[in-house]
Amino acid sequence: TPIDWNQVRNARYDFVFVKATEGDSREPQVKNPYLETDVANSRATGMIVGAYHFARPDYGNDPSDEARYFASVAGQYIKEGYLRPALDLECGAQRTEICTGPNLLSKEQLSQWVHEWMSTVKNETGIEPIIYVNSNYAEKYLNSSVAKYDLWIAHWTYDPSRPPDTGIWKVAKKDWAFWQYSDRGSVPGGIGGNVDLDIFNGSRSQLRDFMVKSAQAATDTKLPVVNAFDVQPRSAISGAPFTIPYTVSDSGGSGLKQLELWRSKG
């Protein structure tokens, strides 16, 4: 059922995070088919909008691959006027009904996965994301290094007067920025069924501090250029050494981070 964003805004909701992607770019790709429509229609009502990525470390996915996929899809929403993007981390440390992959990570491994995803998105866009985790993950499955990131905590107390448990962020004496306090909310006439409800820890003017500023966003739009590429010798024998000399330049200003060389079968 389409969302009536005017009804959502009339219910006095000020901001929304819209799911953009899940996992990486390999098939089956998961991109929210309503992403563009929901972002455009919610913004048209005056709501403040951000995009988020659902992480799948439980699939054994590389965090940089997932981050680059997210940036390629949601990059147009990681710019001035939008909320900073978010990493939705619900899988990796334990299996739930939505986390069906075979890979379970230790606290240190999952924390490193988060750091690599965050740093890749920041390198790609110029913006450091925030992180969404539930209280269980915040308490048990991440080490203290992850508390450096701004927190969107999920703890369904169903009562905004009952504060959430924030685990390592509480230990680090760092407060939450966003809090999902209910998964059973409703917006009559706006959204059908149960709705996740969130509040921001501050005023509307302070909420704007979580929006991307023009000076923050990456301005590099030039692709790297392959100036020279060769394979020597031209005919290689299986198992024998060969050389690939190449020159690649990046004049866009972001700095070239990685090269991948691929070969066709045979």
C-alpha atoms as a PDB file:
ATOM      1  CA  THR A   1       0.000   0.000   0.000  1.00  0.00           C
ATOM      2  CA  PRO A   2       1.493   3.392  -0.957  1.00  0.00           C
ATOM      3  CA  ILE A   3       2.367   5.717   1.903  1.00  0.00           C
ATOM      4  CA  ASP A   4       0.389   8.941   2.188  1.00  0.00           C
ATOM      5  CA  TRP A   5       3.227  11.198   3.291  1.00  0.00           C
ATOM      6  CA  ASN A   6       0.923  14.181   3.767  1.00  0.00           C
ATOM      7  CA  GLN A   7      -0.929  12.219   6.434  1.00  0.00           C
ATOM      8  CA  VAL A   8       2.381  11.252   8.033  1.00  0.00           C
ATOM      9  CA  ARG A   9       3.442  14.897   8.163  1.00  0.00           C
ATOM     10  CA  ASN A  10       0.025  15.940   9.463  1.00  0.00           C
ATOM     11  CA  ALA A  11       0.560  13.460  12.311  1.00  0.00           C
ATOM     12  CA  ARG A  12       3.484  15.729  13.293  1.00  0.00           C
ATOM     13  CA  TYR A  13       6.363  13.479  12.264  1.00  0.00           C
ATOM     14  CA  ASP A  14       9.409  15.530  11.327  1.00  0.00           C
ATOM     15  CA  PHE A  15      11.939  13.055   9.958  1.00  0.00           C
ATOM     16  CA  VAL A  16      12.224   9.642   8.335  1.00  0.00           C
ATOM     17  CA  PHE A  17      14.979   7.204   7.383  1.00  0.00           C
ATOM     18  CA  VAL A  18      14.216   5.264   4.186  1.00  0.00           C
ATOM     19  CA  LYS A  19      15.839   1.912   3.446  1.00  0.00           C
ATOM     20  CA  ALA A  20      17.986   2.102   0.320  1.00  0.00           C
ATOM     21  CA  THR A  21      19.898  -1.167   0.029  1.00  0.00           C
ATOM     22  CA  GLU A  22      20.690  -4.487   1.648  1.00  0.00           C
ATOM     23  CA  GLY A  23      23.844  -6.550   1.168  1.00  0.00           C
ATOM     24  CA  ASP A  24      26.088  -5.931  -1.845  1.00  0.00           C
ATOM     25  CA  SER A  25      25.753  -5.550  -5.598  1.00  0.00           C
ATOM     26  CA  ARG A  26      25.799  -9.262  -6.383  1.00  0.00           C
ATOM     27  CA  GLU A  27      22.611 -10.985  -7.428  1.00  0.00           C
ATOM     28  CA  PRO A  28      20.087 -11.069  -6.013  1.00  0.00           C
ATOM     29  CA  GLN A  29      20.509  -7.342  -5.515  1.00  0.00           C
ATOM     30  CA  VAL A  30      18.326  -5.789  -2.834  1.00  0.00           C
ATOM     31  CA  LYS A  31      17.341  -2.212  -3.530  1.00  0.00           C
ATOM     32  CA  ASN A  32      14.175  -0.678  -2.130  1.00  0.00           C
ATOM     33  CA  PRO A  33      11.941  -0.254  -5.206  1.00  0.00           C
ATOM     34  CA  TYR A  34      10.119   2.618  -3.497  1.00  0.00           C
ATOM     35  CA  LEU A  35      13.270   4.501  -2.505  1.00  0.00           C
ATOM     36  CA  GLU A  36      13.015   7.358  -4.999  1.00  0.00           C
ATOM     37  CA  THR A  37       9.252   7.757  -4.584  1.00  0.00           C
ATOM     38  CA  ASP A  38       9.301   7.734  -0.785  1.00  0.00           C
ATOM     39  CA  VAL A  39      12.222  10.136  -0.561  1.00  0.00           C
ATOM     40  CA  ALA A  40      10.692  12.588  -3.024  1.00  0.00           C
ATOM     41  CA  ASN A  41       7.183  12.472  -1.551  1.00  0.00           C
ATOM     42  CA  SER A  42       8.275  12.716   2.085  1.00  0.00           C
ATOM     43  CA  ARG A  43      10.577  15.634   1.351  1.00  0.00           C
ATOM     44  CA  ALA A  44       7.765  17.381  -0.509  1.00  0.00           C
ATOM     45  CA  THR A  45       5.838  17.570   2.768  1.00  0.00           C
ATOM     46  CA  GLY A  46       8.750  19.251   4.559  1.00  0.00           C
ATOM     47  CA  MET A  47      10.018  16.146   6.339  1.00  0.00           C
ATOM     48  CA  ILE A  48      13.762  15.692   6.810  1.00  0.00           C
ATOM     49  CA  VAL A  49      14.944  12.493   5.109  1.00  0.00           C
ATOM     50  CA  GLY A  50      17.928  10.162   5.302  1.00  0.00           C
ATOM     51  CA  ALA A  51      18.835   6.823   3.695  1.00  0.00           C
ATOM     52  CA  TYR A  52      20.009   3.652   5.419  1.00  0.00           C
ATOM     53  CA  HIS A  53      21.665   0.358   4.483  1.00  0.00           C
ATOM     54  CA  PHE A  54      20.783  -3.045   5.952  1.00  0.00           C
ATOM     55  CA  ALA A  55      24.071  -4.868   6.622  1.00  0.00           C
ATOM     56  CA  ARG A  56      24.569  -8.573   5.891  1.00  0.00           C
ATOM     57  CA  PRO A  57      27.861  -9.635   7.460  1.00  0.00           C
ATOM     58  CA  ASP A  58      26.081 -12.908   8.202  1.00  0.00           C
ATOM     59  CA  TYR A  59      26.330 -13.679   4.475  1.00  0.00           C
ATOM     60  CA  GLY A  60      30.101 -13.389   4.655  1.00  0.00           C
ATOM     61  CA  ASN A  61      29.940 -10.174   2.620  1.00  0.00           C
ATOM     62  CA  ASP A  62      32.869  -7.799   2.394  1.00  0.00           C
ATOM     63  CA  PRO A  63      32.002  -4.529   4.198  1.00  0.00           C
ATOM     64  CA  SER A  64      33.680  -2.378   1.541  1.00  0.00           C
ATOM     65  CA  ASP A  65      31.620  -4.027  -1.196  1.00  0.00           C
ATOM     66  CA  GLU A  66      28.423  -3.378   0.747  1.00  0.00           C
ATOM     67  CA  ALA A  67      29.447   0.220   1.428  1.00  0.00           C
ATOM     68  CA  ARG A  68      30.238   0.948  -2.206  1.00  0.00           C
ATOM     69  CA  TYR A  69      26.940  -0.586  -3.293  1.00  0.00           C
ATOM     70  CA  PHE A  70      25.058   1.600  -0.823  1.00  0.00           C
ATOM     71  CA  ALA A  71      26.930   4.716  -1.942  1.00  0.00           C
ATOM     72  CA  SER A  72      26.241   3.946  -5.615  1.00  0.00           C
ATOM     73  CA  VAL A  73      22.493   3.709  -4.969  1.00  0.00           C
ATOM     74  CA  ALA A  74      21.974   6.272  -2.200  1.00  0.00           C
ATOM     75  CA  GLY A  75      24.723   8.756  -3.060  1.00  0.00           C
ATOM     76  CA  GLN A  76      22.198  11.235  -4.426  1.00  0.00           C
ATOM     77  CA  TYR A  77      20.692  11.377  -0.931  1.00  0.00           C
ATOM     78  CA  ILE A  78      24.009  11.884   0.864  1.00  0.00           C
ATOM     79  CA  LYS A  79      24.307  15.566   0.164  1.00  0.00           C
ATOM     80  CA  GLU A  80      23.212  18.911   1.513  1.00  0.00           C
ATOM     81  CA  GLY A  81      19.649  18.900   2.807  1.00  0.00           C
ATOM     82  CA  TYR A  82      19.510  15.238   3.800  1.00  0.00           C
ATOM     83  CA  LEU A  83      20.167  13.481   7.096  1.00  0.00           C
ATOM     84  CA  ARG A  84      23.468  11.684   7.392  1.00  0.00           C
ATOM     85  CA  PRO A  85      23.163   8.074   6.195  1.00  0.00           C
ATOM     86  CA  ALA A  86      22.865   5.142   8.570  1.00  0.00           C
ATOM     87  CA  LEU A  87      24.149   1.583   8.866  1.00  0.00           C
ATOM     88  CA  ASP A  88      21.444  -0.794  10.115  1.00  0.00           C
ATOM     89  CA  LEU A  89      23.303  -3.596  11.927  1.00  0.00           C
ATOM     90  CA  GLU A  90      21.046  -6.440  13.008  1.00  0.00           C
ATOM     91  CA  CYS A  91      22.872  -9.478  11.600  1.00  0.00           C
ATOM     92  CA  GLY A  92      26.284 -11.013  12.062  1.00  0.00           C
ATOM     93  CA  ALA A  93      26.595 -11.903  15.721  1.00  0.00           C
ATOM     94  CA  GLN A  94      23.573 -14.158  16.027  1.00  0.00           C
ATOM     95  CA  ARG A  95      20.822 -15.621  13.905  1.00  0.00           C
ATOM     96  CA  THR A  96      17.315 -14.196  14.087  1.00  0.00           C
ATOM     97  CA  GLU A  97      14.290 -14.661  11.884  1.00  0.00           C
ATOM     98  CA  ILE A  98      15.748 -12.169   9.391  1.00  0.00           C
ATOM     99  CA  CYS A  99      19.420 -13.128   9.713  1.00  0.00           C
ATOM    100  CA  THR A 100      19.740 -16.471   8.001  1.00  0.00           C
ATOM    101  CA  GLY A 101      23.329 -16.430   6.759  1.00  0.00           C
ATOM    102  CA  PRO A 102      25.844 -19.010   7.967  1.00  0.00           C
ATOM    103  CA  ASN A 103      28.555 -16.662   9.213  1.00  0.00           C
ATOM    104  CA  LEU A 104      28.725 -15.675  12.870  1.00  0.00           C
ATOM    105  CA  LEU A 105      31.349 -13.090  13.797  1.00  0.00           C
ATOM    106  CA  SER A 106      33.125 -12.467  17.074  1.00  0.00           C
ATOM    107  CA  LYS A 107      32.765  -9.141  18.837  1.00  0.00           C
ATOM    108  CA  GLU A 108      36.097  -7.970  17.427  1.00  0.00           C
ATOM    109  CA  GLN A 109      35.343  -9.197  13.895  1.00  0.00           C
ATOM    110  CA  LEU A 110      31.922  -7.566  13.798  1.00  0.00           C
ATOM    111  CA  SER A 111      33.338  -4.312  15.163  1.00  0.00           C
ATOM    112  CA  GLN A 112      36.023  -4.307  12.473  1.00  0.00           C
ATOM    113  CA  TRP A 113      33.334  -4.979   9.859  1.00  0.00           C
ATOM    114  CA  VAL A 114      31.505  -1.873  11.051  1.00  0.00           C
ATOM    115  CA  HIS A 115      34.643   0.271  10.952  1.00  0.00           C
ATOM    116  CA  GLU A 116      35.452  -0.767   7.388  1.00  0.00           C
ATOM    117  CA  TRP A 117      31.908  -0.106   6.174  1.00  0.00           C
ATOM    118  CA  MET A 118      31.859   3.292   7.864  1.00  0.00           C
ATOM    119  CA  SER A 119      35.257   4.359   6.558  1.00  0.00           C
ATOM    120  CA  THR A 120      34.434   3.238   3.012  1.00  0.00           C
ATOM    121  CA  VAL A 121      31.199   5.255   2.931  1.00  0.00           C
ATOM    122  CA  LYS A 122      33.057   8.262   4.322  1.00  0.00           C
ATOM    123  CA  ASN A 123      35.771   7.887   1.682  1.00  0.00           C
ATOM    124  CA  GLU A 124      33.148   7.583  -1.060  1.00  0.00           C
ATOM    125  CA  THR A 125      30.889  10.449   0.063  1.00  0.00           C
ATOM    126  CA  GLY A 126      32.789  12.620   2.522  1.00  0.00           C
ATOM    127  CA  ILE A 127      30.161  11.888   5.206  1.00  0.00           C
ATOM    128  CA  GLU A 128      30.486   9.667   8.273  1.00  0.00           C
ATOM    129  CA  PRO A 129      27.303   7.625   8.807  1.00  0.00           C
ATOM    130  CA  ILE A 130      25.514   6.942  12.068  1.00  0.00           C
ATOM    131  CA  ILE A 131      24.876   3.389  13.286  1.00  0.00           C
ATOM    132  CA  TYR A 132      21.578   1.691  14.134  1.00  0.00           C
ATOM    133  CA  VAL A 133      21.760  -1.227  16.576  1.00  0.00           C
ATOM    134  CA  ASN A 134      19.430  -2.753  19.130  1.00  0.00           C
ATOM    135  CA  SER A 135      20.275  -2.834  22.820  1.00  0.00           C
ATOM    136  CA  ASN A 136      21.292  -6.480  22.615  1.00  0.00           C
ATOM    137  CA  TYR A 137      23.992  -5.704  20.058  1.00  0.00           C
ATOM    138  CA  ALA A 138      25.029  -2.561  21.914  1.00  0.00           C
ATOM    139  CA  GLU A 139      25.496  -4.604  25.093  1.00  0.00           C
ATOM    140  CA  LYS A 140      27.016  -7.859  23.818  1.00  0.00           C
ATOM    141  CA  TYR A 141      28.274  -7.927  20.259  1.00  0.00           C
ATOM    142  CA  LEU A 142      30.387  -4.815  19.618  1.00  0.00           C
ATOM    143  CA  ASN A 143      33.542  -3.605  21.314  1.00  0.00           C
ATOM    144  CA  SER A 144      34.030  -0.129  22.743  1.00  0.00           C
ATOM    145  CA  SER A 145      35.718   1.236  19.607  1.00  0.00           C
ATOM    146  CA  VAL A 146      32.347   1.380  17.825  1.00  0.00           C
ATOM    147  CA  ALA A 147      31.015   3.870  20.390  1.00  0.00           C
ATOM    148  CA  LYS A 148      32.830   6.629  18.481  1.00  0.00           C
ATOM    149  CA  TYR A 149      29.917   6.715  16.016  1.00  0.00           C
ATOM    150  CA  ASP A 150      26.664   8.589  16.584  1.00  0.00           C
ATOM    151  CA  LEU A 151      24.005   6.157  17.772  1.00  0.00           C
ATOM    152  CA  TRP A 152      20.517   5.305  16.587  1.00  0.00           C
ATOM    153  CA  ILE A 153      19.396   2.819  19.240  1.00  0.00           C
ATOM    154  CA  ALA A 154      16.507   0.362  18.942  1.00  0.00           C
ATOM    155  CA  HIS A 155      15.009  -0.486  22.339  1.00  0.00           C
ATOM    156  CA  TRP A 156      11.269  -1.013  22.302  1.00  0.00           C
ATOM    157  CA  THR A 157      10.133   0.213  25.698  1.00  0.00           C
ATOM    158  CA  TYR A 158       6.949   1.616  24.062  1.00  0.00           C
ATOM    159  CA  ASP A 159       7.300   4.560  26.381  1.00  0.00           C
ATOM    160  CA  PRO A 160       9.501   7.563  25.508  1.00  0.00           C
ATOM    161  CA  SER A 161       9.807   8.339  29.224  1.00  0.00           C
ATOM    162  CA  ARG A 162      11.665   5.048  29.833  1.00  0.00           C
ATOM    163  CA  PRO A 163      15.219   5.560  28.540  1.00  0.00           C
ATOM    164  CA  PRO A 164      16.899   2.950  26.325  1.00  0.00           C
ATOM    165  CA  ASP A 165      19.842   0.734  27.212  1.00  0.00           C
ATOM    166  CA  THR A 166      22.792   1.825  25.061  1.00  0.00           C
ATOM    167  CA  GLY A 167      25.512  -0.580  26.140  1.00  0.00           C
ATOM    168  CA  ILE A 168      28.988   0.512  25.067  1.00  0.00           C
ATOM    169  CA  TRP A 169      27.755   4.056  24.381  1.00  0.00           C
ATOM    170  CA  LYS A 170      26.621   4.361  28.009  1.00  0.00           C
ATOM    171  CA  VAL A 171      30.026   3.115  29.166  1.00  0.00           C
ATOM    172  CA  ALA A 172      31.673   5.677  26.894  1.00  0.00           C
ATOM    173  CA  LYS A 173      29.362   8.348  28.386  1.00  0.00           C
ATOM    174  CA  LYS A 174      28.029   9.160  24.922  1.00  0.00           C
ATOM    175  CA  ASP A 175      24.303   9.743  24.536  1.00  0.00           C
ATOM    176  CA  TRP A 176      22.041   8.420  21.794  1.00  0.00           C
ATOM    177  CA  ALA A 177      21.033  10.639  18.880  1.00  0.00           C
ATOM    178  CA  PHE A 178      17.982   8.730  17.636  1.00  0.00           C
ATOM    179  CA  TRP A 179      15.871   6.192  19.509  1.00  0.00           C
ATOM    180  CA  GLN A 180      13.446   3.670  18.013  1.00  0.00           C
ATOM    181  CA  TYR A 181      11.170   3.172  21.012  1.00  0.00           C
ATOM    182  CA  SER A 182       8.373   1.199  19.342  1.00  0.00           C
ATOM    183  CA  ASP A 183       7.791  -1.280  16.525  1.00  0.00           C
ATOM    184  CA  ARG A 184       4.016  -1.147  16.964  1.00  0.00           C
ATOM    185  CA  GLY A 185       3.203   2.428  16.138  1.00  0.00           C
ATOM    186  CA  SER A 186       0.489   3.557  13.777  1.00  0.00           C
ATOM    187  CA  VAL A 187      -0.109   6.459  11.429  1.00  0.00           C
ATOM    188  CA  PRO A 188      -3.822   6.242  10.554  1.00  0.00           C
ATOM    189  CA  GLY A 189      -4.432   7.152   6.941  1.00  0.00           C
ATOM    190  CA  GLY A 190      -0.709   7.465   6.311  1.00  0.00           C
ATOM    191  CA  ILE A 191       0.928   4.044   6.689  1.00  0.00           C
ATOM    192  CA  GLY A 192      -0.856   0.708   6.911  1.00  0.00           C
ATOM    193  CA  GLY A 193       0.034  -1.733   9.670  1.00  0.00           C
ATOM    194  CA  ASN A 194       2.612  -1.421  12.428  1.00  0.00           C
ATOM    195  CA  VAL A 195       5.197   1.339  12.106  1.00  0.00           C
ATOM    196  CA  ASP A 196       8.614   1.790  13.741  1.00  0.00           C
ATOM    197  CA  LEU A 197       8.507   5.011  15.750  1.00  0.00           C
ATOM    198  CA  ASP A 198      11.610   7.068  16.537  1.00  0.00           C
ATOM    199  CA  ILE A 199      12.454  10.212  18.425  1.00  0.00           C
ATOM    200  CA  PHE A 200      15.442  12.525  18.180  1.00  0.00           C
ATOM    201  CA  ASN A 201      17.412  13.501  21.255  1.00  0.00           C
ATOM    202  CA  GLY A 202      17.128  17.251  20.847  1.00  0.00           C
ATOM    203  CA  SER A 203      15.217  20.083  19.227  1.00  0.00           C
ATOM    204  CA  ARG A 204      14.313  20.466  15.553  1.00  0.00           C
ATOM    205  CA  SER A 205      17.139  22.979  15.151  1.00  0.00           C
ATOM    206  CA  GLN A 206      19.549  20.452  16.674  1.00  0.00           C
ATOM    207  CA  LEU A 207      18.193  17.810  14.301  1.00  0.00           C
ATOM    208  CA  ARG A 208      19.461  19.962  11.479  1.00  0.00           C
ATOM    209  CA  ASP A 209      22.966  19.488  12.856  1.00  0.00           C
ATOM    210  CA  PHE A 210      22.612  15.866  11.691  1.00  0.00           C
ATOM    211  CA  MET A 211      21.975  17.007   8.141  1.00  0.00           C
ATOM    212  CA  VAL A 212      24.734  16.968   5.556  1.00  0.00           C
ATOM    213  CA  LYS A 213      26.391  20.320   5.035  1.00  0.00           C
ATOM    214  CA  SER A 214      27.510  21.336   1.551  1.00  0.00           C
ATOM    215  CA  ALA A 215      31.144  21.654   2.614  1.00  0.00           C
ATOM    216  CA  GLN A 216      31.141  18.070   3.923  1.00  0.00           C
ATOM    217  CA  ALA A 217      29.942  16.257   0.832  1.00  0.00           C
ATOM    218  CA  ALA A 218      32.466  14.893  -1.610  1.00  0.00           C
ATOM    219  CA  THR A 219      32.771  16.925  -4.815  1.00  0.00           C
ATOM    220  CA  ASP A 220      34.868  14.492  -6.828  1.00  0.00           C
ATOM    221  CA  THR A 221      32.918  13.599  -9.974  1.00  0.00           C
ATOM    222  CA  LYS A 222      35.846  12.614 -12.200  1.00  0.00           C
ATOM    223  CA  LEU A 223      36.458   8.922 -12.762  1.00  0.00           C
ATOM    224  CA  PRO A 224      40.003   7.522 -12.604  1.00  0.00           C
ATOM    225  CA  VAL A 225      41.629   7.163 -16.036  1.00  0.00           C
ATOM    226  CA  VAL A 226      43.595   4.154 -17.271  1.00  0.00           C
ATOM    227  CA  ASN A 227      46.490   5.763 -19.120  1.00  0.00           C
ATOM    228  CA  ALA A 228      48.292   2.549 -20.085  1.00  0.00           C
ATOM    229  CA  PHE A 229      47.677  -1.170 -19.748  1.00  0.00           C
ATOM    230  CA  ASP A 230      49.517  -4.156 -21.186  1.00  0.00           C
ATOM    231  CA  VAL A 231      50.156  -7.849 -20.620  1.00  0.00           C
ATOM    232  CA  GLN A 232      53.633  -9.279 -21.288  1.00  0.00           C
ATOM    233  CA  PRO A 233      54.070 -11.746 -22.898  1.00  0.00           C
ATOM    234  CA  ARG A 234      50.971 -11.572 -25.067  1.00  0.00           C
ATOM    235  CA  SER A 235      50.540 -15.361 -24.961  1.00  0.00           C
ATOM    236  CA  ALA A 236      50.958 -16.757 -21.483  1.00  0.00           C
ATOM    237  CA  ILE A 237      51.470 -20.412 -20.628  1.00  0.00           C
ATOM    238  CA  SER A 238      49.420 -21.749 -17.742  1.00  0.00           C
ATOM    239  CA  GLY A 239      51.538 -21.620 -14.600  1.00  0.00           C
ATOM    240  CA  ALA A 240      54.220 -19.413 -16.182  1.00  0.00           C
ATOM    241  CA  PRO A 241      54.820 -15.879 -14.840  1.00  0.00           C
ATOM    242  CA  PHE A 242      53.663 -12.831 -16.745  1.00  0.00           C
ATOM    243  CA  THR A 243      53.717  -9.087 -16.141  1.00  0.00           C
ATOM    244  CA  ILE A 244      50.917  -6.508 -16.260  1.00  0.00           C
ATOM    245  CA  PRO A 245      52.314  -2.969 -16.445  1.00  0.00           C
ATOM    246  CA  TYR A 246      49.684  -0.254 -16.021  1.00  0.00           C
ATOM    247  CA  THR A 247      49.328   3.443 -15.216  1.00  0.00           C
ATOM    248  CA  VAL A 248      46.180   4.872 -13.668  1.00  0.00           C
ATOM    249  CA  SER A 249      45.607   8.485 -12.692  1.00  0.00           C
ATOM    250  CA  ASP A 250      42.941  10.102 -10.542  1.00  0.00           C
ATOM    251  CA  SER A 251      42.691  13.856 -10.931  1.00  0.00           C
ATOM    252  CA  GLY A 252      39.352  14.235  -9.137  1.00  0.00           C
ATOM    253  CA  GLY A 253      40.892  14.898  -5.761  1.00  0.00           C
ATOM    254  CA  SER A 254      39.554  12.008  -3.681  1.00  0.00           C
ATOM    255  CA  GLY A 255      42.632   9.821  -4.006  1.00  0.00           C
ATOM    256  CA  LEU A 256      42.652   6.423  -5.682  1.00  0.00           C
ATOM    257  CA  LYS A 257      42.043   3.743  -3.040  1.00  0.00           C
ATOM    258  CA  GLN A 258      41.911   0.418  -4.856  1.00  0.00           C
ATOM    259  CA  LEU A 259      42.554  -1.296  -8.184  1.00  0.00           C
ATOM    260  CA  GLU A 260      41.040  -4.584  -9.293  1.00  0.00           C
ATOM    261  CA  LEU A 261      42.367  -6.629 -12.213  1.00  0.00           C
ATOM    262  CA  TRP A 262      40.026  -9.154 -13.808  1.00  0.00           C
ATOM    263  CA  ARG A 263      40.654 -11.793 -16.431  1.00  0.00           C
ATOM    264  CA  SER A 264      38.246 -13.634 -18.684  1.00  0.00           C
ATOM    265  CA  LYS A 265      37.898 -17.394 -18.471  1.00  0.00           C
ATOM    266  CA  GLY A 266      40.776 -19.117 -20.291  1.00  0.00           C
END
